C-alpha atoms as a PDB file:
ATOM      1  CA  MET A   1     124.583  73.363 161.342  1.00  0.00           C
ATOM      2  CA  SER A   2     125.888  74.710 164.868  1.00  0.00           C
ATOM      3  CA  HIS A   3     129.188  76.177 165.635  1.00  0.00           C
ATOM      4  CA  ALA A   4     130.181  73.423 168.277  1.00  0.00           C
ATOM      5  CA  SER A   5     130.590  70.369 168.378  1.00  0.00           C
ATOM      6  CA  PRO A   6     127.050  67.729 169.923  1.00  0.00           C
ATOM      7  CA  GLY A   7     128.418  67.974 173.708  1.00  0.00           C
ATOM      8  CA  GLU A   8     127.688  71.751 173.527  1.00  0.00           C
ATOM      9  CA  TRP A   9     131.301  72.943 174.750  1.00  0.00           C
ATOM     10  CA  ARG A  10     130.903  76.660 173.891  1.00  0.00           C
ATOM     11  CA  PRO A  11     133.189  79.021 174.675  1.00  0.00           C
ATOM     12  CA  THR A  12     132.848  82.548 174.050  1.00  0.00           C
ATOM     13  CA  GLU A  13     135.567  84.658 175.201  1.00  0.00           C
ATOM     14  CA  ILE A  14     139.145  83.989 175.548  1.00  0.00           C
ATOM     15  CA  ARG A  15     140.647  85.147 178.985  1.00  0.00           C
ATOM     16  CA  ARG A  16     144.319  84.333 179.168  1.00  0.00           C
ATOM     17  CA  PHE A  17     147.042  83.156 177.047  1.00  0.00           C
ATOM     18  CA  ILE A  18     149.104  80.031 178.518  1.00  0.00           C
ATOM     19  CA  ARG A  19     151.708  78.631 176.075  1.00  0.00           C
ATOM     20  CA  ASN A  20     152.106  78.060 172.277  1.00  0.00           C
ATOM     21  CA  PHE A  21     153.373  75.370 170.918  1.00  0.00           C
ATOM     22  CA  ASP A  22     155.632  75.173 167.234  1.00  0.00           C
ATOM     23  CA  THR A  23     153.393  72.310 165.357  1.00  0.00           C
ATOM     24  CA  GLY A  24     152.467  72.838 161.436  1.00  0.00           C
ATOM     25  CA  THR A  25     149.418  75.762 162.455  1.00  0.00           C
ATOM     26  CA  GLU A  26     150.908  76.957 165.417  1.00  0.00           C
ATOM     27  CA  ALA A  27     148.540  75.722 168.205  1.00  0.00           C
ATOM     28  CA  VAL A  28     147.794  77.893 171.424  1.00  0.00           C
ATOM     29  CA  LEU A  29     146.668  76.539 174.759  1.00  0.00           C
ATOM     30  CA  VAL A  30     144.375  79.568 176.591  1.00  0.00           C
ATOM     31  CA  LEU A  31     142.063  80.008 178.851  1.00  0.00           C
ATOM     32  CA  THR A  32     138.174  80.571 178.096  1.00  0.00           C
ATOM     33  CA  ASP A  33     134.857  81.198 180.022  1.00  0.00           C
ATOM     34  CA  ALA A  34     134.279  77.459 179.558  1.00  0.00           C
ATOM     35  CA  GLY A  35     137.578  75.835 180.693  1.00  0.00           C
ATOM     36  CA  GLU A  36     141.113  75.480 178.630  1.00  0.00           C
ATOM     37  CA  GLY A  37     141.367  74.978 175.328  1.00  0.00           C
ATOM     38  CA  TYR A  38     143.771  74.518 172.126  1.00  0.00           C
ATOM     39  CA  LEU A  39     143.361  76.966 169.583  1.00  0.00           C
ATOM     40  CA  LYS A  40     144.221  77.024 165.889  1.00  0.00           C
ATOM     41  CA  ALA A  41     143.901  80.796 164.898  1.00  0.00           C
ATOM     42  CA  MET A  42     144.259  82.822 161.811  1.00  0.00           C
ATOM     43  CA  GLY A  43     147.909  84.182 160.663  1.00  0.00           C
ATOM     44  CA  ASN A  44     149.336  80.426 161.539  1.00  0.00           C
ATOM     45  CA  ALA A  45     152.220  79.239 159.330  1.00  0.00           C
ATOM     46  CA  GLY A  46     149.805  76.511 157.743  1.00  0.00           C
ATOM     47  CA  GLY A  47     147.142  79.097 156.840  1.00  0.00           C
ATOM     48  CA  GLU A  48     143.328  79.821 156.909  1.00  0.00           C
ATOM     49  CA  HIS A  49     142.518  76.631 154.571  1.00  0.00           C
ATOM     50  CA  CYS A  50     144.018  74.273 157.081  1.00  0.00           C
ATOM     51  CA  LEU A  51     141.671  75.371 159.560  1.00  0.00           C
ATOM     52  CA  ALA A  52     138.461  74.518 157.089  1.00  0.00           C
ATOM     53  CA  CYS A  53     139.938  71.259 156.986  1.00  0.00           C
ATOM     54  CA  GLU A  54     140.108  70.698 160.414  1.00  0.00           C
ATOM     55  CA  TRP A  55     136.311  71.842 161.280  1.00  0.00           C
ATOM     56  CA  VAL A  56     134.884  69.867 158.072  1.00  0.00           C
ATOM     57  CA  ALA A  57     136.397  67.072 158.826  1.00  0.00           C
ATOM     58  CA  THR A  58     136.591  66.854 162.803  1.00  0.00           C
ATOM     59  CA  HIS A  59     132.076  66.977 161.726  1.00  0.00           C
ATOM     60  CA  LEU A  60     132.893  64.011 159.468  1.00  0.00           C
ATOM     61  CA  ALA A  61     134.936  62.285 162.014  1.00  0.00           C
ATOM     62  CA  ARG A  62     131.926  62.919 164.984  1.00  0.00           C
ATOM     63  CA  TRP A  63     129.095  61.587 162.002  1.00  0.00           C
ATOM     64  CA  PHE A  64     131.273  58.777 161.699  1.00  0.00           C
ATOM     65  CA  LYS A  65     130.965  57.480 165.126  1.00  0.00           C
ATOM     66  CA  LEU A  66     134.867  58.268 166.226  1.00  0.00           C
ATOM     67  CA  GLU A  67     135.460  59.785 169.631  1.00  0.00           C
ATOM     68  CA  THR A  68     136.692  63.424 169.086  1.00  0.00           C
ATOM     69  CA  PHE A  69     137.672  66.293 171.547  1.00  0.00           C
ATOM     70  CA  ASP A  70     134.720  69.084 172.369  1.00  0.00           C
ATOM     71  CA  PHE A  71     135.340  70.981 169.572  1.00  0.00           C
ATOM     72  CA  SER A  72     133.882  74.839 168.447  1.00  0.00           C
ATOM     73  CA  LEU A  73     134.321  78.272 166.883  1.00  0.00           C
ATOM     74  CA  ILE A  74     135.406  81.077 168.832  1.00  0.00           C
ATOM     75  CA  ASP A  75     136.398  84.477 168.164  1.00  0.00           C
ATOM     76  CA  ILE A  76     139.363  86.492 169.088  1.00  0.00           C
ATOM     77  CA  THR A  77     139.027  90.248 169.038  1.00  0.00           C
ATOM     78  CA  ASP A  78     141.289  92.976 168.067  1.00  0.00           C
ATOM     79  CA  LEU A  79     142.106  92.992 172.066  1.00  0.00           C
ATOM     80  CA  ASP A  80     143.446  89.590 172.374  1.00  0.00           C
ATOM     81  CA  GLU A  81     147.010  89.154 172.412  1.00  0.00           C
ATOM     82  CA  ILE A  82     147.560  85.743 171.345  1.00  0.00           C
ATOM     83  CA  PRO A  83     151.100  85.187 170.689  1.00  0.00           C
ATOM     84  CA  LEU A  84     151.747  82.621 168.036  1.00  0.00           C
ATOM     85  CA  SER A  85     155.077  80.639 167.944  1.00  0.00           C
ATOM     86  CA  ARG A  86     156.376  82.188 164.462  1.00  0.00           C
ATOM     87  CA  SER A  87     153.925  84.200 163.172  1.00  0.00           C
ATOM     88  CA  GLY A  88     153.538  87.201 165.517  1.00  0.00           C
ATOM     89  CA  ASN A  89     149.730  87.449 167.082  1.00  0.00           C
ATOM     90  CA  ALA A  90     147.051  85.643 166.203  1.00  0.00           C
ATOM     91  CA  ARG A  91     144.840  87.660 163.808  1.00  0.00           C
ATOM     92  CA  PRO A  92     141.398  88.688 164.580  1.00  0.00           C
ATOM     93  CA  GLY A  93     138.394  86.214 163.526  1.00  0.00           C
ATOM     94  CA  PRO A  94     136.981  82.947 164.043  1.00  0.00           C
ATOM     95  CA  ALA A  95     139.062  80.404 165.281  1.00  0.00           C
ATOM     96  CA  PHE A  96     139.446  76.507 165.770  1.00  0.00           C
ATOM     97  CA  ILE A  97     139.428  75.351 169.288  1.00  0.00           C
ATOM     98  CA  THR A  98     139.114  72.314 171.066  1.00  0.00           C
ATOM     99  CA  ARG A  99     138.563  71.725 175.014  1.00  0.00           C
ATOM    100  CA  ALA A 100     141.927  70.405 176.540  1.00  0.00           C
ATOM    101  CA  GLU A 101     141.450  66.981 178.085  1.00  0.00           C
ATOM    102  CA  PHE A 102     143.308  64.544 180.887  1.00  0.00           C
ATOM    103  CA  GLY A 103     145.763  61.934 178.924  1.00  0.00           C
ATOM    104  CA  GLU A 104     148.395  61.934 176.555  1.00  0.00           C
ATOM    105  CA  PRO A 105     149.417  60.902 173.117  1.00  0.00           C
ATOM    106  CA  TRP A 106     149.441  57.644 172.644  1.00  0.00           C
ATOM    107  CA  GLY A 107     153.615  56.793 171.641  1.00  0.00           C
ATOM    108  CA  GLY A 108     152.826  53.880 169.265  1.00  0.00           C
ATOM    109  CA  LYS A 109     153.014  50.940 172.269  1.00  0.00           C
ATOM    110  CA  VAL A 110     150.974  47.837 171.471  1.00  0.00           C
ATOM    111  CA  SER A 111     150.544  47.418 174.624  1.00  0.00           C
ATOM    112  CA  GLU A 112     148.624  50.233 175.714  1.00  0.00           C
ATOM    113  CA  LEU A 113     146.288  49.934 173.170  1.00  0.00           C
ATOM    114  CA  LYS A 114     144.948  46.632 175.137  1.00  0.00           C
ATOM    115  CA  TYR A 115     143.142  49.280 177.478  1.00  0.00           C
ATOM    116  CA  LEU A 116     141.241  50.747 175.280  1.00  0.00           C
ATOM    117  CA  ILE A 117     137.482  51.304 175.682  1.00  0.00           C
ATOM    118  CA  ASN A 118     136.733  51.815 172.448  1.00  0.00           C
ATOM    119  CA  PRO A 119     138.930  49.254 170.535  1.00  0.00           C
ATOM    120  CA  GLY A 120     137.035  48.835 167.496  1.00  0.00           C
ATOM    121  CA  ASP A 121     137.848  52.345 166.695  1.00  0.00           C
ATOM    122  CA  ILE A 122     141.052  51.241 165.719  1.00  0.00           C
ATOM    123  CA  SER A 123     139.665  49.902 162.350  1.00  0.00           C
ATOM    124  CA  ARG A 124     136.878  52.647 161.892  1.00  0.00           C
ATOM    125  CA  LEU A 125     139.945  55.293 162.322  1.00  0.00           C
ATOM    126  CA  VAL A 126     142.175  53.331 159.500  1.00  0.00           C
ATOM    127  CA  VAL A 127     139.014  53.623 157.346  1.00  0.00           C
ATOM    128  CA  PHE A 128     138.354  57.152 158.101  1.00  0.00           C
ATOM    129  CA  ASP A 129     141.624  58.423 157.457  1.00  0.00           C
ATOM    130  CA  THR A 130     141.710  56.409 154.318  1.00  0.00           C
ATOM    131  CA  TRP A 131     138.227  58.049 153.319  1.00  0.00           C
ATOM    132  CA  ILE A 132     140.066  61.982 154.145  1.00  0.00           C
ATOM    133  CA  LEU A 133     142.897  60.947 152.859  1.00  0.00           C
ATOM    134  CA  ASN A 134     144.699  61.957 156.015  1.00  0.00           C
ATOM    135  CA  CYS A 135     148.485  62.551 155.377  1.00  0.00           C
ATOM    136  CA  ASP A 136     149.309  63.579 158.582  1.00  0.00           C
ATOM    137  CA  ARG A 137     148.899  60.407 161.423  1.00  0.00           C
ATOM    138  CA  HIS A 138     150.222  57.632 158.883  1.00  0.00           C
ATOM    139  CA  ALA A 139     150.570  58.092 155.700  1.00  0.00           C
ATOM    140  CA  PRO A 140     151.068  55.864 152.870  1.00  0.00           C
ATOM    141  CA  GLU A 141     154.228  54.059 151.309  1.00  0.00           C
ATOM    142  CA  GLY A 142     156.828  56.031 154.107  1.00  0.00           C
ATOM    143  CA  ARG A 143     155.764  59.540 152.322  1.00  0.00           C
ATOM    144  CA  ARG A 144     155.874  61.242 155.956  1.00  0.00           C
ATOM    145  CA  ARG A 145     157.173  60.421 159.291  1.00  0.00           C
ATOM    146  CA  PRO A 146     154.014  58.564 161.706  1.00  0.00           C
ATOM    147  CA  ASN A 147     152.642  61.144 163.861  1.00  0.00           C
ATOM    148  CA  TYR A 148     151.803  59.181 166.799  1.00  0.00           C
ATOM    149  CA  ASN A 149     150.649  62.552 168.311  1.00  0.00           C
ATOM    150  CA  ASN A 150     147.812  62.711 166.340  1.00  0.00           C
ATOM    151  CA  VAL A 151     146.851  59.660 168.318  1.00  0.00           C
ATOM    152  CA  PHE A 152     145.193  60.983 171.625  1.00  0.00           C
ATOM    153  CA  LEU A 153     145.072  58.171 174.432  1.00  0.00           C
ATOM    154  CA  SER A 154     142.144  60.389 176.960  1.00  0.00           C
ATOM    155  CA  ARG A 155     141.915  58.942 180.318  1.00  0.00           C
ATOM    156  CA  GLU A 156     138.655  60.653 180.827  1.00  0.00           C
ATOM    157  CA  ALA A 157     136.814  56.877 180.687  1.00  0.00           C
ATOM    158  CA  PRO A 158     136.013  54.087 183.100  1.00  0.00           C
ATOM    159  CA  GLU A 159     139.043  53.672 185.824  1.00  0.00           C
ATOM    160  CA  GLY A 160     141.637  51.262 184.004  1.00  0.00           C
ATOM    161  CA  TYR A 161     140.700  52.186 180.561  1.00  0.00           C
ATOM    162  CA  LEU A 162     141.693  54.695 178.236  1.00  0.00           C
ATOM    163  CA  ARG A 163     139.360  56.779 174.986  1.00  0.00           C
ATOM    164  CA  LEU A 164     140.897  56.580 171.837  1.00  0.00           C
ATOM    165  CA  LYS A 165     140.539  59.787 170.554  1.00  0.00           C
ATOM    166  CA  ALA A 166     141.599  61.298 167.274  1.00  0.00           C
ATOM    167  CA  MET A 167     142.586  64.721 166.883  1.00  0.00           C
ATOM    168  CA  ASP A 168     144.124  67.757 164.625  1.00  0.00           C
ATOM    169  CA  HIS A 169     142.956  67.064 160.779  1.00  0.00           C
ATOM    170  CA  THR A 170     144.220  70.235 159.255  1.00  0.00           C
ATOM    171  CA  HIS A 171     146.042  67.651 156.876  1.00  0.00           C
ATOM    172  CA  ALA A 172     143.089  66.045 155.960  1.00  0.00           C
ATOM    173  CA  PHE A 173     142.012  66.280 151.895  1.00  0.00           C
ATOM    174  CA  THR A 174     145.246  67.786 151.052  1.00  0.00           C
ATOM    175  CA  CYS A 175     147.795  67.171 153.119  1.00  0.00           C
ATOM    176  CA  GLY A 176     148.348  70.782 153.676  1.00  0.00           C
ATOM    177  CA  HIS A 177     147.623  72.757 150.782  1.00  0.00           C
ATOM    178  CA  ASP A 178     145.225  74.701 149.644  1.00  0.00           C
ATOM    179  CA  LEU A 179     141.669  73.817 148.792  1.00  0.00           C
ATOM    180  CA  THR A 180     141.226  74.531 145.564  1.00  0.00           C
ATOM    181  CA  GLN A 181     138.787  72.330 142.077  1.00  0.00           C
ATOM    182  CA  ARG A 182     141.888  69.596 142.244  1.00  0.00           C
ATOM    183  CA  VAL A 183     140.834  68.269 145.331  1.00  0.00           C
ATOM    184  CA  ALA A 184     138.006  66.159 143.590  1.00  0.00           C
ATOM    185  CA  THR A 185     140.398  64.717 140.818  1.00  0.00           C
ATOM    186  CA  ILE A 186     139.598  60.812 140.024  1.00  0.00           C
ATOM    187  CA  ASP A 187     143.340  59.784 140.977  1.00  0.00           C
ATOM    188  CA  ARG A 188     142.373  61.172 144.426  1.00  0.00           C
ATOM    189  CA  ILE A 189     138.963  60.292 144.575  1.00  0.00           C
ATOM    190  CA  GLN A 190     139.843  56.311 143.455  1.00  0.00           C
ATOM    191  CA  ASP A 191     143.446  56.503 145.677  1.00  0.00           C
ATOM    192  CA  PRO A 192     144.436  53.030 146.012  1.00  0.00           C
ATOM    193  CA  ASN A 193     146.576  54.029 149.406  1.00  0.00           C
ATOM    194  CA  ALA A 194     145.612  52.787 152.879  1.00  0.00           C
ATOM    195  CA  TYR A 195     146.113  56.252 155.676  1.00  0.00           C
ATOM    196  CA  GLY A 196     146.525  55.887 159.480  1.00  0.00           C
ATOM    197  CA  LEU A 197     147.579  52.267 159.213  1.00  0.00           C
ATOM    198  CA  PHE A 198     150.674  52.305 161.916  1.00  0.00           C
ATOM    199  CA  PRO A 199     152.545  49.428 162.654  1.00  0.00           C
ATOM    200  CA  GLY A 200     150.688  49.095 166.083  1.00  0.00           C
ATOM    201  CA  PHE A 201     147.310  49.218 164.683  1.00  0.00           C
ATOM    202  CA  ARG A 202     147.727  45.984 162.326  1.00  0.00           C
ATOM    203  CA  ARG A 203     147.272  43.089 165.535  1.00  0.00           C
ATOM    204  CA  ARG A 204     144.217  45.090 166.582  1.00  0.00           C
ATOM    205  CA  LEU A 205     142.275  45.375 163.082  1.00  0.00           C
ATOM    206  CA  ASP A 206     138.690  43.726 163.069  1.00  0.00           C
ATOM    207  CA  GLN A 207     136.760  42.504 160.062  1.00  0.00           C
ATOM    208  CA  ASP A 208     133.541  43.534 161.865  1.00  0.00           C
ATOM    209  CA  ALA A 209     134.349  46.997 162.497  1.00  0.00           C
ATOM    210  CA  PHE A 210     135.509  47.439 159.024  1.00  0.00           C
ATOM    211  CA  GLN A 211     132.360  45.906 157.831  1.00  0.00           C
ATOM    212  CA  SER A 212     130.277  49.067 159.910  1.00  0.00           C
ATOM    213  CA  ALA A 213     132.194  51.471 159.181  1.00  0.00           C
ATOM    214  CA  LEU A 214     131.828  50.660 155.055  1.00  0.00           C
ATOM    215  CA  ASP A 215     128.205  50.672 156.007  1.00  0.00           C
ATOM    216  CA  ASP A 216     127.791  54.383 157.452  1.00  0.00           C
ATOM    217  CA  LEU A 217     130.136  55.541 154.350  1.00  0.00           C
ATOM    218  CA  ARG A 218     127.636  53.564 151.943  1.00  0.00           C
ATOM    219  CA  GLY A 219     125.181  55.765 153.802  1.00  0.00           C
ATOM    220  CA  LEU A 220     126.530  59.013 153.821  1.00  0.00           C
ATOM    221  CA  PRO A 221     124.341  61.794 153.051  1.00  0.00           C
ATOM    222  CA  ARG A 222     125.008  64.765 150.742  1.00  0.00           C
ATOM    223  CA  PRO A 223     122.874  67.261 152.425  1.00  0.00           C
ATOM    224  CA  PHE A 224     124.876  67.196 155.691  1.00  0.00           C
ATOM    225  CA  VAL A 225     128.589  67.378 153.861  1.00  0.00           C
ATOM    226  CA  GLU A 226     127.387  70.429 152.431  1.00  0.00           C
ATOM    227  CA  GLU A 227     125.927  72.083 155.433  1.00  0.00           C
ATOM    228  CA  VAL A 228     129.141  70.930 157.311  1.00  0.00           C
ATOM    229  CA  ILE A 229     131.040  73.279 154.430  1.00  0.00           C
ATOM    230  CA  ARG A 230     128.123  76.069 154.181  1.00  0.00           C
ATOM    231  CA  SER A 231     129.277  76.270 158.133  1.00  0.00           C
ATOM    232  CA  VAL A 232     133.378  77.144 156.938  1.00  0.00           C
ATOM    233  CA  PRO A 233     133.486  80.598 158.016  1.00  0.00           C
ATOM    234  CA  GLU A 234     134.132  83.086 154.936  1.00  0.00           C
ATOM    235  CA  GLU A 235     136.918  84.543 156.983  1.00  0.00           C
ATOM    236  CA  TRP A 236     138.750  81.615 156.038  1.00  0.00           C
ATOM    237  CA  GLU A 237     138.711  82.476 152.496  1.00  0.00           C
ATOM    238  CA  VAL A 238     137.654  78.984 150.985  1.00  0.00           C
ATOM    239  CA  GLY A 239     136.081  80.121 147.688  1.00  0.00           C
ATOM    240  CA  ARG A 240     132.687  78.286 145.943  1.00  0.00           C
ATOM    241  CA  GLU A 241     134.154  76.224 143.384  1.00  0.00           C
ATOM    242  CA  ALA A 242     136.617  74.514 146.281  1.00  0.00           C
ATOM    243  CA  ARG A 243     133.658  74.340 148.407  1.00  0.00           C
ATOM    244  CA  GLU A 244     131.925  72.350 145.593  1.00  0.00           C
ATOM    245  CA  ALA A 245     134.410  70.143 144.559  1.00  0.00           C
ATOM    246  CA  LEU A 246     135.287  69.752 148.409  1.00  0.00           C
ATOM    247  CA  SER A 247     131.980  67.945 148.743  1.00  0.00           C
ATOM    248  CA  ASP A 248     131.847  66.343 145.512  1.00  0.00           C
ATOM    249  CA  PHE A 249     135.319  64.732 146.789  1.00  0.00           C
ATOM    250  CA  ILE A 250     133.898  63.771 150.583  1.00  0.00           C
ATOM    251  CA  VAL A 251     131.110  61.939 148.895  1.00  0.00           C
ATOM    252  CA  ARG A 252     132.403  60.120 145.676  1.00  0.00           C
ATOM    253  CA  ARG A 253     135.543  58.951 147.832  1.00  0.00           C
ATOM    254  CA  ALA A 254     133.031  57.599 150.378  1.00  0.00           C
ATOM    255  CA  HIS A 255     131.317  55.853 147.506  1.00  0.00           C
ATOM    256  CA  PHE A 256     134.275  54.828 146.451  1.00  0.00           C
ATOM    257  CA  LEU A 257     135.483  53.050 149.271  1.00  0.00           C
ATOM    258  CA  ALA A 258     131.911  51.510 150.406  1.00  0.00           C
ATOM    259  CA  THR A 259     131.788  50.216 146.840  1.00  0.00           C
ATOM    260  CA  ASN A 260     134.919  48.268 146.948  1.00  0.00           C
ATOM    261  CA  ARG A 261     134.706  47.035 150.534  1.00  0.00           C
ATOM    262  CA  ALA A 262     136.660  43.752 149.913  1.00  0.00           C
ATOM    263  CA  GLY A 263     139.640  46.148 149.363  1.00  0.00           C
ATOM    264  CA  ILE A 264     139.635  48.092 151.849  1.00  0.00           C
ATOM    265  CA  MET A 265     138.817  44.941 154.562  1.00  0.00           C
ATOM    266  CA  GLY A 266     141.837  43.966 153.066  1.00  0.00           C
ATOM    267  CA  ILE A 267     144.327  46.433 153.829  1.00  0.00           C
ATOM    268  CA  HIS A 268     146.576  44.651 156.491  1.00  0.00           C
ATOM    269  CA  LEU A 269     147.263  42.084 154.662  1.00  0.00           C
ATOM    270  CA  ASN A 270     148.738  43.676 151.097  1.00  0.00           C
ATOM    271  CA  GLN A 271     151.154  46.259 152.512  1.00  0.00           C
ATOM    272  CA  GLY A 272     149.175  49.210 152.806  1.00  0.00           C
ATOM    273  CA  ARG A 273     147.381  49.291 149.639  1.00  0.00           C
ATOM    274  CA  LEU A 274     143.673  48.821 149.094  1.00  0.00           C
ATOM    275  CA  ASN A 275     143.035  44.855 147.517  1.00  0.00           C
ATOM    276  CA  LEU A 276     140.735  46.609 144.955  1.00  0.00           C
ATOM    277  CA  PRO A 277     139.456  44.816 141.922  1.00  0.00           C
ATOM    278  CA  ALA A 278     141.386  44.644 138.478  1.00  0.00           C
ATOM    279  CA  GLU A 279     141.077  47.164 136.173  1.00  0.00           C
ATOM    280  CA  GLY A 280     137.354  46.482 134.117  1.00  0.00           C
ATOM    281  CA  GLU A 281     136.162  44.296 136.999  1.00  0.00           C
ATOM    282  CA  ALA A 282     133.416  45.528 138.752  1.00  0.00           C
ATOM    283  CA  GLY A 283     133.631  46.160 143.087  1.00  0.00           C
ATOM    284  CA  PRO A 284     132.166  43.430 145.363  1.00  0.00           C
END
């Protein structure tokens, strides 16, 4: 498993601290030997398991054909002094970093979505967030305030277009809690709620894009998932049982959604819940 995204963006050292942000994982903008990047480091207020969720989910997003930032791991050394917004300096060790891009968060305006070069990714992103139970873009049933900052409109696209990119997956799988064996309980694997379903997305959902996304979920290879989870740095202290449970959840949740494809394709007609078969009925 490569420790960088397919774009082969591989910063190896941090040259300068630029600024920090008061986010859940206390992200930091830094200058590296490969340009500017947004860093999430050990010692942040959200904990190291949030970094593991970010690492795993971003790999899954890339496999799922979603656009993401270029990402990598970078080692923070004892000589680096990187101040976090609330927790003192970042701890030495492996950190998650993404390449800075020209663009801005979505903001929720439906009119901006008509300029997307990848409009099918709206439907695919809803399927993805529902798969990984990502509560930090748009949680179901008003559980959390919508976070429009986690949908990025990149201007690294042909003139006149924007490119939708998914960002920040620290709250995938557990909604910010530590990873444990409980990540793979049946109620979570069969959670009937839709995630990532912003009101502004509803009019842009596409049945063919849903179908394609669910076809991909059906083909998810367990060895790939296990390889990604093995690549989570030991320093982030995700134990063996938690890793096995996370792998089990990812694979079984994908199969559940792919099997109940009529349900997830109907979410925009059912107020944010999957249109699942009645208890005792087989899925389509």
